[in-house]
Amino acid sequence: MQRSELRGRIRSGAENSTGRQTSGINIKAKGAINAAEFKQMKRFVRAIVFCISLAGASLFAGTPGGVEPKSAPGVQQQTGTTPDDVEFQIGIPGWMSGLSGDFGVRGVVADTDVSFGDLLSDLDMMAAGSIYARYHRWEFSANGLYLKVSDSAPLRGLLFGNARVSLKDAFSEQFLGYRLINCNDAVLSVFAGARYNYESGDFRLQGARLAGRSVSGSVDWVDPVIGTSGRVHLWKPVSFWTKADIGGFGAASDLTWQVQGGLDLQITRSLNSKIGWRYLKNDYESGGFTNKTELNGPYIETGFSF
């Protein structure tokens, strides 16, 4: 009995000792796996922190050493980039327009025909100016022209054949517009406004019965006008621009319309020059006054931007 009990105790002690060792081995194995996972997590977190730090440094501090990277040529002219939010320009236009058509004062109508080639010899005075302002997509523009021309012209009627005519023709137009397309490569706007017109005539009649007599008078009127304008960038400092409008609609003139266009040269950041052609048609007749004339000729404008 004592031997069997001793053998049982030895076996039990051996089993317990084996169980403790096995259990100890399991605990150590589990501890080793958790430590490896923890080390991997630490490495992952450190990598994320390093990437974020590197991105922040590149955004706010430039490249290492504080040296900004050089941009490729033409980056500032990327397609779709928008211009500055505010723009203001003063222009000095030169419109060498010819004047042709019927011009009448108090029922006396002269058939004028002064081409832009003859304008310098027949021109007594000319004044012109323009302004342009933009805030985001909203635009305001105004321009005007004053012409005083003296020439001999044939007259309608049986009592006299011609007259020495002194004509004053002026207009001023103001428009409020909105840009439908607003980027550096292309601009498209629609606008509406009014054109103020003024005409004055002094006719010194020549003829068998009325030689030496004169007829003079003046009139002004306002026409509603709607239109569109646009610009397309062609190459470096060169763009193509165009503008067209129509108005009158019987409010004062039966119909008036205008079209112009050409090249826009950006000479410096604040100086540009427009070169092109401009045409304006009037069709007004009321109270003995007639203005069915055409202003037509080369156009150049120098603009100063602020």
C-alpha atoms as a PDB file:
ATOM      1  CA  MET A   1       0.000   0.000   0.000  1.00  0.00           C
ATOM      2  CA  GLN A   2       2.756   2.382   0.862  1.00  0.00           C
ATOM      3  CA  ARG A   3       4.536   1.654  -2.394  1.00  0.00           C
ATOM      4  CA  SER A   4       1.372   2.123  -4.471  1.00  0.00           C
ATOM      5  CA  GLU A   5       0.542   5.366  -2.654  1.00  0.00           C
ATOM      6  CA  LEU A   6       4.078   6.611  -3.215  1.00  0.00           C
ATOM      7  CA  ARG A   7       3.881   5.765  -6.926  1.00  0.00           C
ATOM      8  CA  GLY A   8       0.505   7.585  -7.160  1.00  0.00           C
ATOM      9  CA  ARG A   9       1.942  10.674  -5.506  1.00  0.00           C
ATOM     10  CA  ILE A  10       4.953  10.651  -7.819  1.00  0.00           C
ATOM     11  CA  ARG A  11       2.699  10.365 -10.917  1.00  0.00           C
ATOM     12  CA  SER A  12       0.409  13.111  -9.647  1.00  0.00           C
ATOM     13  CA  GLY A  13       3.376  15.361  -8.944  1.00  0.00           C
ATOM     14  CA  ALA A  14       4.801  14.649 -12.355  1.00  0.00           C
ATOM     15  CA  GLU A  15       1.441  15.392 -14.046  1.00  0.00           C
ATOM     16  CA  ASN A  16       1.025  18.609 -12.055  1.00  0.00           C
ATOM     17  CA  SER A  17       4.558  19.638 -12.879  1.00  0.00           C
ATOM     18  CA  THR A  18       3.966  18.913 -16.577  1.00  0.00           C
ATOM     19  CA  GLY A  19       0.670  20.850 -16.485  1.00  0.00           C
ATOM     20  CA  ARG A  20       2.334  23.876 -14.944  1.00  0.00           C
ATOM     21  CA  GLN A  21       5.110  23.814 -17.510  1.00  0.00           C
ATOM     22  CA  THR A  22       2.634  23.482 -20.392  1.00  0.00           C
ATOM     23  CA  SER A  23       0.523  26.278 -18.968  1.00  0.00           C
ATOM     24  CA  GLY A  24       3.603  28.424 -18.520  1.00  0.00           C
ATOM     25  CA  ILE A  25       4.625  27.787 -22.119  1.00  0.00           C
ATOM     26  CA  ASN A  26       1.173  28.810 -23.375  1.00  0.00           C
ATOM     27  CA  ILE A  27       1.228  32.039 -21.382  1.00  0.00           C
ATOM     28  CA  LYS A  28       4.643  32.977 -22.714  1.00  0.00           C
ATOM     29  CA  ALA A  29       3.549  32.228 -26.310  1.00  0.00           C
ATOM     30  CA  LYS A  30       0.538  34.477 -25.969  1.00  0.00           C
ATOM     31  CA  GLY A  31       2.673  37.233 -24.504  1.00  0.00           C
ATOM     32  CA  ALA A  32       5.117  37.006 -27.441  1.00  0.00           C
ATOM     33  CA  ILE A  33       2.287  37.413 -30.064  1.00  0.00           C
ATOM     34  CA  ASN A  34       0.867  40.524 -28.339  1.00  0.00           C
ATOM     35  CA  ALA A  35       4.264  42.170 -28.232  1.00  0.00           C
ATOM     36  CA  ALA A  36       4.796  41.627 -31.989  1.00  0.00           C
ATOM     37  CA  GLU A  37       1.404  43.115 -32.816  1.00  0.00           C
ATOM     38  CA  PHE A  38       2.138  46.098 -30.602  1.00  0.00           C
ATOM     39  CA  LYS A  39       5.468  46.689 -32.334  1.00  0.00           C
ATOM     40  CA  GLN A  40       3.773  46.566 -35.773  1.00  0.00           C
ATOM     41  CA  MET A  41       1.152  49.069 -34.634  1.00  0.00           C
ATOM     42  CA  LYS A  42       3.856  51.413 -33.375  1.00  0.00           C
ATOM     43  CA  ARG A  43       5.659  51.214 -36.704  1.00  0.00           C
ATOM     44  CA  PHE A  44       2.402  51.892 -38.602  1.00  0.00           C
ATOM     45  CA  VAL A  45       1.564  54.929 -36.446  1.00  0.00           C
ATOM     46  CA  ARG A  46       5.091  56.276 -36.857  1.00  0.00           C
ATOM     47  CA  ALA A  47       4.812  55.914 -40.642  1.00  0.00           C
ATOM     48  CA  ILE A  48       1.512  57.810 -40.700  1.00  0.00           C
ATOM     49  CA  VAL A  49       2.930  60.593 -38.522  1.00  0.00           C
ATOM     50  CA  PHE A  50       5.991  60.818 -40.767  1.00  0.00           C
ATOM     51  CA  CYS A  51       3.862  61.074 -43.943  1.00  0.00           C
ATOM     52  CA  ILE A  52       1.623  63.760 -42.429  1.00  0.00           C
ATOM     53  CA  SER A  53       4.651  65.716 -41.249  1.00  0.00           C
ATOM     54  CA  LEU A  54       6.249  65.468 -44.683  1.00  0.00           C
ATOM     55  CA  ALA A  55       3.057  66.630 -46.442  1.00  0.00           C
ATOM     56  CA  GLY A  56       2.648  69.541 -44.058  1.00  0.00           C
ATOM     57  CA  ALA A  57       6.256  70.566 -44.547  1.00  0.00           C
ATOM     58  CA  SER A  58       5.836  70.544 -48.338  1.00  0.00           C
ATOM     59  CA  LEU A  59       2.667  72.609 -48.163  1.00  0.00           C
ATOM     60  CA  PHE A  60       3.725  75.297 -45.707  1.00  0.00           C
ATOM     61  CA  ALA A  61       7.495  75.374 -45.841  1.00  0.00           C
ATOM     62  CA  GLY A  62       8.249  74.526 -49.471  1.00  0.00           C
ATOM     63  CA  THR A  63      10.917  72.061 -50.406  1.00  0.00           C
ATOM     64  CA  PRO A  64      13.766  71.165 -48.052  1.00  0.00           C
ATOM     65  CA  GLY A  65      16.116  74.071 -47.566  1.00  0.00           C
ATOM     66  CA  GLY A  66      13.293  76.609 -48.130  1.00  0.00           C
ATOM     67  CA  VAL A  67      13.832  76.652 -51.914  1.00  0.00           C
ATOM     68  CA  GLU A  68      10.598  76.908 -53.886  1.00  0.00           C
ATOM     69  CA  PRO A  69      10.345  74.522 -56.814  1.00  0.00           C
ATOM     70  CA  LYS A  70      10.539  76.090 -60.259  1.00  0.00           C
ATOM     71  CA  SER A  71       7.284  76.001 -62.172  1.00  0.00           C
ATOM     72  CA  ALA A  72       7.189  75.040 -65.794  1.00  0.00           C
ATOM     73  CA  PRO A  73       6.672  77.786 -68.338  1.00  0.00           C
ATOM     74  CA  GLY A  74       3.031  78.605 -68.990  1.00  0.00           C
ATOM     75  CA  VAL A  75       1.686  77.306 -65.667  1.00  0.00           C
ATOM     76  CA  GLN A  76       0.046  80.659 -64.944  1.00  0.00           C
ATOM     77  CA  GLN A  77      -1.908  80.388 -68.212  1.00  0.00           C
ATOM     78  CA  GLN A  78      -3.599  77.094 -67.432  1.00  0.00           C
ATOM     79  CA  THR A  79      -6.879  76.480 -69.183  1.00  0.00           C
ATOM     80  CA  GLY A  80      -9.867  77.365 -67.048  1.00  0.00           C
ATOM     81  CA  THR A  81      -8.078  79.649 -64.585  1.00  0.00           C
ATOM     82  CA  THR A  82     -10.154  82.663 -63.642  1.00  0.00           C
ATOM     83  CA  PRO A  83      -8.931  86.277 -63.802  1.00  0.00           C
ATOM     84  CA  ASP A  84      -8.714  88.643 -60.840  1.00  0.00           C
ATOM     85  CA  ASP A  85     -11.972  89.444 -59.067  1.00  0.00           C
ATOM     86  CA  VAL A  86     -11.721  93.198 -59.691  1.00  0.00           C
ATOM     87  CA  GLU A  87     -10.747  94.983 -62.904  1.00  0.00           C
ATOM     88  CA  PHE A  88     -10.815  98.650 -63.922  1.00  0.00           C
ATOM     89  CA  GLN A  89      -9.675 100.149 -67.217  1.00  0.00           C
ATOM     90  CA  ILE A  90      -9.600 103.576 -68.843  1.00  0.00           C
ATOM     91  CA  GLY A  91      -9.341 103.661 -72.627  1.00  0.00           C
ATOM     92  CA  ILE A  92      -8.428 106.228 -75.248  1.00  0.00           C
ATOM     93  CA  PRO A  93     -10.122 105.062 -78.449  1.00  0.00           C
ATOM     94  CA  GLY A  94      -9.293 106.316 -81.895  1.00  0.00           C
ATOM     95  CA  TRP A  95     -12.013 105.561 -84.422  1.00  0.00           C
ATOM     96  CA  MET A  96     -11.191 106.833 -87.903  1.00  0.00           C
ATOM     97  CA  SER A  97     -14.770 106.394 -88.998  1.00  0.00           C
ATOM     98  CA  GLY A  98     -16.219 107.533 -92.249  1.00  0.00           C
ATOM     99  CA  LEU A  99     -19.678 109.126 -92.215  1.00  0.00           C
ATOM    100  CA  SER A 100     -22.150 108.305 -94.967  1.00  0.00           C
ATOM    101  CA  GLY A 101     -25.917 108.387 -95.425  1.00  0.00           C
ATOM    102  CA  ASP A 102     -28.795 110.824 -95.034  1.00  0.00           C
ATOM    103  CA  PHE A 103     -28.432 113.589 -92.461  1.00  0.00           C
ATOM    104  CA  GLY A 104     -31.268 116.126 -92.208  1.00  0.00           C
ATOM    105  CA  VAL A 105     -32.222 119.201 -90.178  1.00  0.00           C
ATOM    106  CA  ARG A 106     -35.706 120.806 -90.321  1.00  0.00           C
ATOM    107  CA  GLY A 107     -36.642 118.958 -93.465  1.00  0.00           C
ATOM    108  CA  VAL A 108     -33.411 119.731 -95.321  1.00  0.00           C
ATOM    109  CA  VAL A 109     -31.633 116.429 -95.971  1.00  0.00           C
ATOM    110  CA  ALA A 110     -28.045 116.094 -97.155  1.00  0.00           C
ATOM    111  CA  ASP A 111     -26.506 113.000 -98.661  1.00  0.00           C
ATOM    112  CA  THR A 112     -23.201 112.892 -96.769  1.00  0.00           C
ATOM    113  CA  ASP A 113     -20.292 110.748 -97.861  1.00  0.00           C
ATOM    114  CA  VAL A 114     -17.056 111.289 -95.964  1.00  0.00           C
ATOM    115  CA  SER A 115     -14.823 108.234 -96.112  1.00  0.00           C
ATOM    116  CA  PHE A 116     -12.311 107.542 -93.354  1.00  0.00           C
ATOM    117  CA  GLY A 117      -9.585 108.398 -95.851  1.00  0.00           C
ATOM    118  CA  ASP A 118     -11.044 111.930 -96.288  1.00  0.00           C
ATOM    119  CA  LEU A 119     -11.813 112.354 -92.586  1.00  0.00           C
ATOM    120  CA  LEU A 120      -8.542 114.079 -91.712  1.00  0.00           C
ATOM    121  CA  SER A 121      -9.148 116.846 -94.246  1.00  0.00           C
ATOM    122  CA  ASP A 122     -12.858 117.297 -93.398  1.00  0.00           C
ATOM    123  CA  LEU A 123     -12.620 116.751 -89.644  1.00  0.00           C
ATOM    124  CA  ASP A 124     -12.967 119.820 -87.443  1.00  0.00           C
ATOM    125  CA  MET A 125     -12.950 118.083 -84.071  1.00  0.00           C
ATOM    126  CA  MET A 126     -13.081 114.610 -82.547  1.00  0.00           C
ATOM    127  CA  ALA A 127     -13.189 113.438 -78.939  1.00  0.00           C
ATOM    128  CA  ALA A 128     -13.583 109.911 -77.537  1.00  0.00           C
ATOM    129  CA  GLY A 129     -13.168 107.961 -74.323  1.00  0.00           C
ATOM    130  CA  SER A 130     -14.117 104.731 -72.592  1.00  0.00           C
ATOM    131  CA  ILE A 131     -14.191 103.149 -69.149  1.00  0.00           C
ATOM    132  CA  TYR A 132     -14.650  99.551 -68.050  1.00  0.00           C
ATOM    133  CA  ALA A 133     -15.147  98.073 -64.582  1.00  0.00           C
ATOM    134  CA  ARG A 134     -15.731  94.503 -63.422  1.00  0.00           C
ATOM    135  CA  TYR A 135     -16.462  92.878 -60.075  1.00  0.00           C
ATOM    136  CA  HIS A 136     -16.378  89.094 -60.289  1.00  0.00           C
ATOM    137  CA  ARG A 137     -18.742  88.393 -63.220  1.00  0.00           C
ATOM    138  CA  TRP A 138     -20.583  91.727 -63.230  1.00  0.00           C
ATOM    139  CA  GLU A 139     -19.424  94.343 -65.734  1.00  0.00           C
ATOM    140  CA  PHE A 140     -20.034  98.021 -66.410  1.00  0.00           C
ATOM    141  CA  SER A 141     -18.811  99.765 -69.551  1.00  0.00           C
ATOM    142  CA  ALA A 142     -19.264 103.209 -71.077  1.00  0.00           C
ATOM    143  CA  ASN A 143     -17.845 104.874 -74.150  1.00  0.00           C
ATOM    144  CA  GLY A 144     -18.572 107.862 -76.308  1.00  0.00           C
ATOM    145  CA  LEU A 145     -17.602 109.651 -79.511  1.00  0.00           C
ATOM    146  CA  TYR A 146     -18.001 113.232 -80.725  1.00  0.00           C
ATOM    147  CA  LEU A 147     -17.440 114.219 -84.371  1.00  0.00           C
ATOM    148  CA  LYS A 148     -17.624 117.595 -86.075  1.00  0.00           C
ATOM    149  CA  VAL A 149     -17.269 117.439 -89.841  1.00  0.00           C
ATOM    150  CA  SER A 150     -17.567 120.137 -92.513  1.00  0.00           C
ATOM    151  CA  ASP A 151     -18.021 119.326 -96.191  1.00  0.00           C
ATOM    152  CA  SER A 152     -20.035 120.132 -99.278  1.00  0.00           C
ATOM    153  CA  ALA A 153     -22.917 117.784 -99.913  1.00  0.00           C
ATOM    154  CA  PRO A 154     -25.738 117.457-102.425  1.00  0.00           C
ATOM    155  CA  LEU A 155     -29.243 118.209-101.107  1.00  0.00           C
ATOM    156  CA  ARG A 156     -32.600 116.713-101.921  1.00  0.00           C
ATOM    157  CA  GLY A 157     -35.170 118.996-103.552  1.00  0.00           C
ATOM    158  CA  LEU A 158     -35.748 121.191-106.573  1.00  0.00           C
ATOM    159  CA  LEU A 159     -34.887 124.615-105.101  1.00  0.00           C
ATOM    160  CA  PHE A 160     -31.194 123.997-104.461  1.00  0.00           C
ATOM    161  CA  GLY A 161     -28.534 121.576-105.521  1.00  0.00           C
ATOM    162  CA  ASN A 162     -26.011 121.456-102.668  1.00  0.00           C
ATOM    163  CA  ALA A 163     -24.877 123.126 -99.459  1.00  0.00           C
ATOM    164  CA  ARG A 164     -21.913 123.696 -97.230  1.00  0.00           C
ATOM    165  CA  VAL A 165     -22.738 121.381 -94.351  1.00  0.00           C
ATOM    166  CA  SER A 166     -21.339 121.460 -90.822  1.00  0.00           C
ATOM    167  CA  LEU A 167     -22.364 118.328 -88.929  1.00  0.00           C
ATOM    168  CA  LYS A 168     -22.021 117.440 -85.263  1.00  0.00           C
ATOM    169  CA  ASP A 169     -22.681 113.814 -84.487  1.00  0.00           C
ATOM    170  CA  ALA A 170     -22.179 112.324 -81.031  1.00  0.00           C
ATOM    171  CA  PHE A 171     -23.206 109.330 -78.972  1.00  0.00           C
ATOM    172  CA  SER A 172     -22.579 107.932 -75.508  1.00  0.00           C
ATOM    173  CA  GLU A 173     -23.458 104.393 -74.466  1.00  0.00           C
ATOM    174  CA  GLN A 174     -23.586 102.729 -71.051  1.00  0.00           C
ATOM    175  CA  PHE A 175     -24.031  99.009 -70.476  1.00  0.00           C
ATOM    176  CA  LEU A 176     -24.412  96.651 -67.540  1.00  0.00           C
ATOM    177  CA  GLY A 177     -23.241  93.128 -68.343  1.00  0.00           C
ATOM    178  CA  TYR A 178     -22.712  89.674 -66.894  1.00  0.00           C
ATOM    179  CA  ARG A 179     -20.033  87.150 -67.844  1.00  0.00           C
ATOM    180  CA  LEU A 180     -21.384  83.746 -68.792  1.00  0.00           C
ATOM    181  CA  ILE A 181     -17.844  82.446 -69.372  1.00  0.00           C
ATOM    182  CA  ASN A 182     -15.141  83.899 -67.144  1.00  0.00           C
ATOM    183  CA  CYS A 183     -11.628  82.509 -67.543  1.00  0.00           C
ATOM    184  CA  ASN A 184      -8.279  83.664 -68.889  1.00  0.00           C
ATOM    185  CA  ASP A 185      -8.605  81.719 -72.126  1.00  0.00           C
ATOM    186  CA  ALA A 186     -12.145  82.775 -73.050  1.00  0.00           C
ATOM    187  CA  VAL A 187     -14.743  85.350 -72.028  1.00  0.00           C
ATOM    188  CA  LEU A 188     -18.389  85.606 -73.085  1.00  0.00           C
ATOM    189  CA  SER A 189     -20.703  88.339 -71.789  1.00  0.00           C
ATOM    190  CA  VAL A 190     -24.228  89.570 -72.350  1.00  0.00           C
ATOM    191  CA  PHE A 191     -25.221  93.163 -71.631  1.00  0.00           C
ATOM    192  CA  ALA A 192     -28.051  95.674 -71.798  1.00  0.00           C
ATOM    193  CA  GLY A 193     -28.181  99.433 -71.569  1.00  0.00           C
ATOM    194  CA  ALA A 194     -28.831 102.573 -73.556  1.00  0.00           C
ATOM    195  CA  ARG A 195     -27.216 104.735 -76.225  1.00  0.00           C
ATOM    196  CA  TYR A 196     -27.634 108.502 -76.062  1.00  0.00           C
ATOM    197  CA  ASN A 197     -27.469 110.196 -79.473  1.00  0.00           C
ATOM    198  CA  TYR A 198     -27.023 113.832 -80.444  1.00  0.00           C
ATOM    199  CA  GLU A 199     -27.011 115.481 -83.843  1.00  0.00           C
ATOM    200  CA  SER A 200     -26.659 119.070 -84.936  1.00  0.00           C
ATOM    201  CA  GLY A 201     -26.482 120.519 -88.421  1.00  0.00           C
ATOM    202  CA  ASP A 202     -25.805 123.872 -90.033  1.00  0.00           C
ATOM    203  CA  PHE A 203     -26.670 123.967 -93.740  1.00  0.00           C
ATOM    204  CA  ARG A 204     -25.560 126.965 -95.825  1.00  0.00           C
ATOM    205  CA  LEU A 205     -27.700 126.562 -98.900  1.00  0.00           C
ATOM    206  CA  GLN A 206     -26.501 127.061-102.450  1.00  0.00           C
ATOM    207  CA  GLY A 207     -28.965 127.383-105.329  1.00  0.00           C
ATOM    208  CA  ALA A 208     -30.743 129.711-107.724  1.00  0.00           C
ATOM    209  CA  ARG A 209     -33.387 130.912-105.249  1.00  0.00           C
ATOM    210  CA  LEU A 210     -32.040 130.169-101.787  1.00  0.00           C
ATOM    211  CA  ALA A 211     -28.361 130.972-102.165  1.00  0.00           C
ATOM    212  CA  GLY A 212     -26.872 132.344 -98.958  1.00  0.00           C
ATOM    213  CA  ARG A 213     -29.655 131.143 -96.662  1.00  0.00           C
ATOM    214  CA  SER A 214     -28.945 128.743 -93.837  1.00  0.00           C
ATOM    215  CA  VAL A 215     -30.885 126.120 -91.909  1.00  0.00           C
ATOM    216  CA  SER A 216     -29.717 124.820 -88.539  1.00  0.00           C
ATOM    217  CA  GLY A 217     -31.007 122.796 -85.633  1.00  0.00           C
ATOM    218  CA  SER A 218     -30.220 119.985 -83.208  1.00  0.00           C
ATOM    219  CA  VAL A 219     -31.947 117.008 -81.633  1.00  0.00           C
ATOM    220  CA  ASP A 220     -31.124 114.206 -79.204  1.00  0.00           C
ATOM    221  CA  TRP A 221     -32.686 110.857 -78.316  1.00  0.00           C
ATOM    222  CA  VAL A 222     -32.043 107.641 -76.373  1.00  0.00           C
ATOM    223  CA  ASP A 223     -32.217 104.075 -77.701  1.00  0.00           C
ATOM    224  CA  PRO A 224     -32.428 100.893 -75.596  1.00  0.00           C
ATOM    225  CA  VAL A 225     -29.669  98.447 -76.551  1.00  0.00           C
ATOM    226  CA  ILE A 226     -28.873  94.776 -75.898  1.00  0.00           C
ATOM    227  CA  GLY A 227     -25.820  92.838 -77.028  1.00  0.00           C
ATOM    228  CA  THR A 228     -23.016  90.391 -76.440  1.00  0.00           C
ATOM    229  CA  SER A 229     -19.221  90.506 -76.364  1.00  0.00           C
ATOM    230  CA  GLY A 230     -16.421  87.999 -76.158  1.00  0.00           C
ATOM    231  CA  ARG A 231     -12.696  87.397 -76.184  1.00  0.00           C
ATOM    232  CA  VAL A 232     -10.614  84.318 -77.023  1.00  0.00           C
ATOM    233  CA  HIS A 233      -6.928  83.972 -76.154  1.00  0.00           C
ATOM    234  CA  LEU A 234      -4.931  83.038 -79.248  1.00  0.00           C
ATOM    235  CA  TRP A 235      -1.222  83.057 -78.437  1.00  0.00           C
ATOM    236  CA  LYS A 236       0.811  84.576 -75.590  1.00  0.00           C
ATOM    237  CA  PRO A 237      -0.136  88.304 -75.490  1.00  0.00           C
ATOM    238  CA  VAL A 238      -2.582  88.129 -78.440  1.00  0.00           C
ATOM    239  CA  SER A 239      -6.358  87.668 -78.147  1.00  0.00           C
ATOM    240  CA  PHE A 240      -9.279  88.054 -80.516  1.00  0.00           C
ATOM    241  CA  TRP A 241     -12.177  90.230 -79.320  1.00  0.00           C
ATOM    242  CA  THR A 242     -15.599  91.011 -80.740  1.00  0.00           C
ATOM    243  CA  LYS A 243     -18.717  92.928 -79.709  1.00  0.00           C
ATOM    244  CA  ALA A 244     -22.161  93.310 -81.250  1.00  0.00           C
ATOM    245  CA  ASP A 245     -25.377  95.039 -80.195  1.00  0.00           C
ATOM    246  CA  ILE A 246     -28.795  95.979 -81.515  1.00  0.00           C
ATOM    247  CA  GLY A 247     -31.324  98.498 -80.262  1.00  0.00           C
ATOM    248  CA  GLY A 248     -33.915 101.148 -80.991  1.00  0.00           C
ATOM    249  CA  PHE A 249     -36.872  98.812 -81.542  1.00  0.00           C
ATOM    250  CA  GLY A 250     -39.051 101.806 -82.399  1.00  0.00           C
ATOM    251  CA  ALA A 251     -38.599 103.502 -79.023  1.00  0.00           C
ATOM    252  CA  ALA A 252     -36.700 106.321 -80.737  1.00  0.00           C
ATOM    253  CA  SER A 253     -34.748 104.927 -83.677  1.00  0.00           C
ATOM    254  CA  ASP A 254     -36.471 102.386 -85.851  1.00  0.00           C
ATOM    255  CA  LEU A 255     -33.358 100.263 -85.554  1.00  0.00           C
ATOM    256  CA  THR A 256     -29.713 100.767 -84.637  1.00  0.00           C
ATOM    257  CA  TRP A 257     -27.011  98.138 -84.609  1.00  0.00           C
ATOM    258  CA  GLN A 258     -23.263  97.901 -84.182  1.00  0.00           C
ATOM    259  CA  VAL A 259     -20.520  95.332 -84.697  1.00  0.00           C
ATOM    260  CA  GLN A 260     -16.804  95.552 -83.977  1.00  0.00           C
ATOM    261  CA  GLY A 261     -13.844  93.258 -83.511  1.00  0.00           C
ATOM    262  CA  GLY A 262     -10.125  92.701 -83.935  1.00  0.00           C
ATOM    263  CA  LEU A 263      -6.973  91.811 -82.023  1.00  0.00           C
ATOM    264  CA  ASP A 264      -6.132  92.669 -78.420  1.00  0.00           C
ATOM    265  CA  LEU A 265      -2.405  93.010 -77.677  1.00  0.00           C
ATOM    266  CA  GLN A 266      -1.324  92.850 -74.017  1.00  0.00           C
ATOM    267  CA  ILE A 267       1.765  95.040 -74.147  1.00  0.00           C
ATOM    268  CA  THR A 268       2.465  95.092 -70.396  1.00  0.00           C
ATOM    269  CA  ARG A 269       0.556  93.954 -67.331  1.00  0.00           C
ATOM    270  CA  SER A 270      -1.315  97.285 -67.184  1.00  0.00           C
ATOM    271  CA  LEU A 271      -1.228  98.387 -70.841  1.00  0.00           C
ATOM    272  CA  ASN A 272      -3.048  96.900 -73.803  1.00  0.00           C
ATOM    273  CA  SER A 273      -3.999  97.952 -77.300  1.00  0.00           C
ATOM    274  CA  LYS A 274      -7.003  96.937 -79.403  1.00  0.00           C
ATOM    275  CA  ILE A 275      -6.746  97.032 -83.189  1.00  0.00           C
ATOM    276  CA  GLY A 276      -9.733  96.266 -85.390  1.00  0.00           C
ATOM    277  CA  TRP A 277     -12.786  97.581 -87.249  1.00  0.00           C
ATOM    278  CA  ARG A 278     -16.004  99.180 -86.032  1.00  0.00           C
ATOM    279  CA  TYR A 279     -19.354  99.749 -87.740  1.00  0.00           C
ATOM    280  CA  LEU A 280     -22.426 101.599 -86.387  1.00  0.00           C
ATOM    281  CA  LYS A 281     -25.716 102.025 -88.233  1.00  0.00           C
ATOM    282  CA  ASN A 282     -28.378 104.600 -87.286  1.00  0.00           C
ATOM    283  CA  ASP A 283     -31.968 104.783 -88.544  1.00  0.00           C
ATOM    284  CA  TYR A 284     -33.720 107.744 -86.908  1.00  0.00           C
ATOM    285  CA  GLU A 285     -36.310 110.129 -88.367  1.00  0.00           C
ATOM    286  CA  SER A 286     -38.581 112.397 -86.326  1.00  0.00           C
ATOM    287  CA  GLY A 287     -39.809 116.022 -86.344  1.00  0.00           C
ATOM    288  CA  GLY A 288     -37.963 117.003 -89.521  1.00  0.00           C
ATOM    289  CA  PHE A 289     -34.659 115.537 -88.282  1.00  0.00           C
ATOM    290  CA  THR A 290     -33.057 112.607 -90.075  1.00  0.00           C
ATOM    291  CA  ASN A 291     -30.093 110.459 -89.123  1.00  0.00           C
ATOM    292  CA  LYS A 292     -29.778 107.446 -91.374  1.00  0.00           C
ATOM    293  CA  THR A 293     -26.022 107.375 -91.329  1.00  0.00           C
ATOM    294  CA  GLU A 294     -23.275 104.801 -91.066  1.00  0.00           C
ATOM    295  CA  LEU A 295     -20.082 105.225 -89.039  1.00  0.00           C
ATOM    296  CA  ASN A 296     -17.552 102.819 -90.479  1.00  0.00           C
ATOM    297  CA  GLY A 297     -13.773 102.534 -90.243  1.00  0.00           C
ATOM    298  CA  PRO A 298     -10.620 101.203 -88.540  1.00  0.00           C
ATOM    299  CA  TYR A 299     -10.536 101.260 -84.773  1.00  0.00           C
ATOM    300  CA  ILE A 300      -7.658 101.395 -82.296  1.00  0.00           C
ATOM    301  CA  GLU A 301      -7.849 101.823 -78.525  1.00  0.00           C
ATOM    302  CA  THR A 302      -5.150 102.062 -75.902  1.00  0.00           C
ATOM    303  CA  GLY A 303      -6.232 100.881 -72.458  1.00  0.00           C
ATOM    304  CA  PHE A 304      -4.715 101.399 -69.015  1.00  0.00           C
ATOM    305  CA  SER A 305      -5.657  98.828 -66.355  1.00  0.00           C
ATOM    306  CA  PHE A 306      -5.616  99.418 -62.604  1.00  0.00           C
END
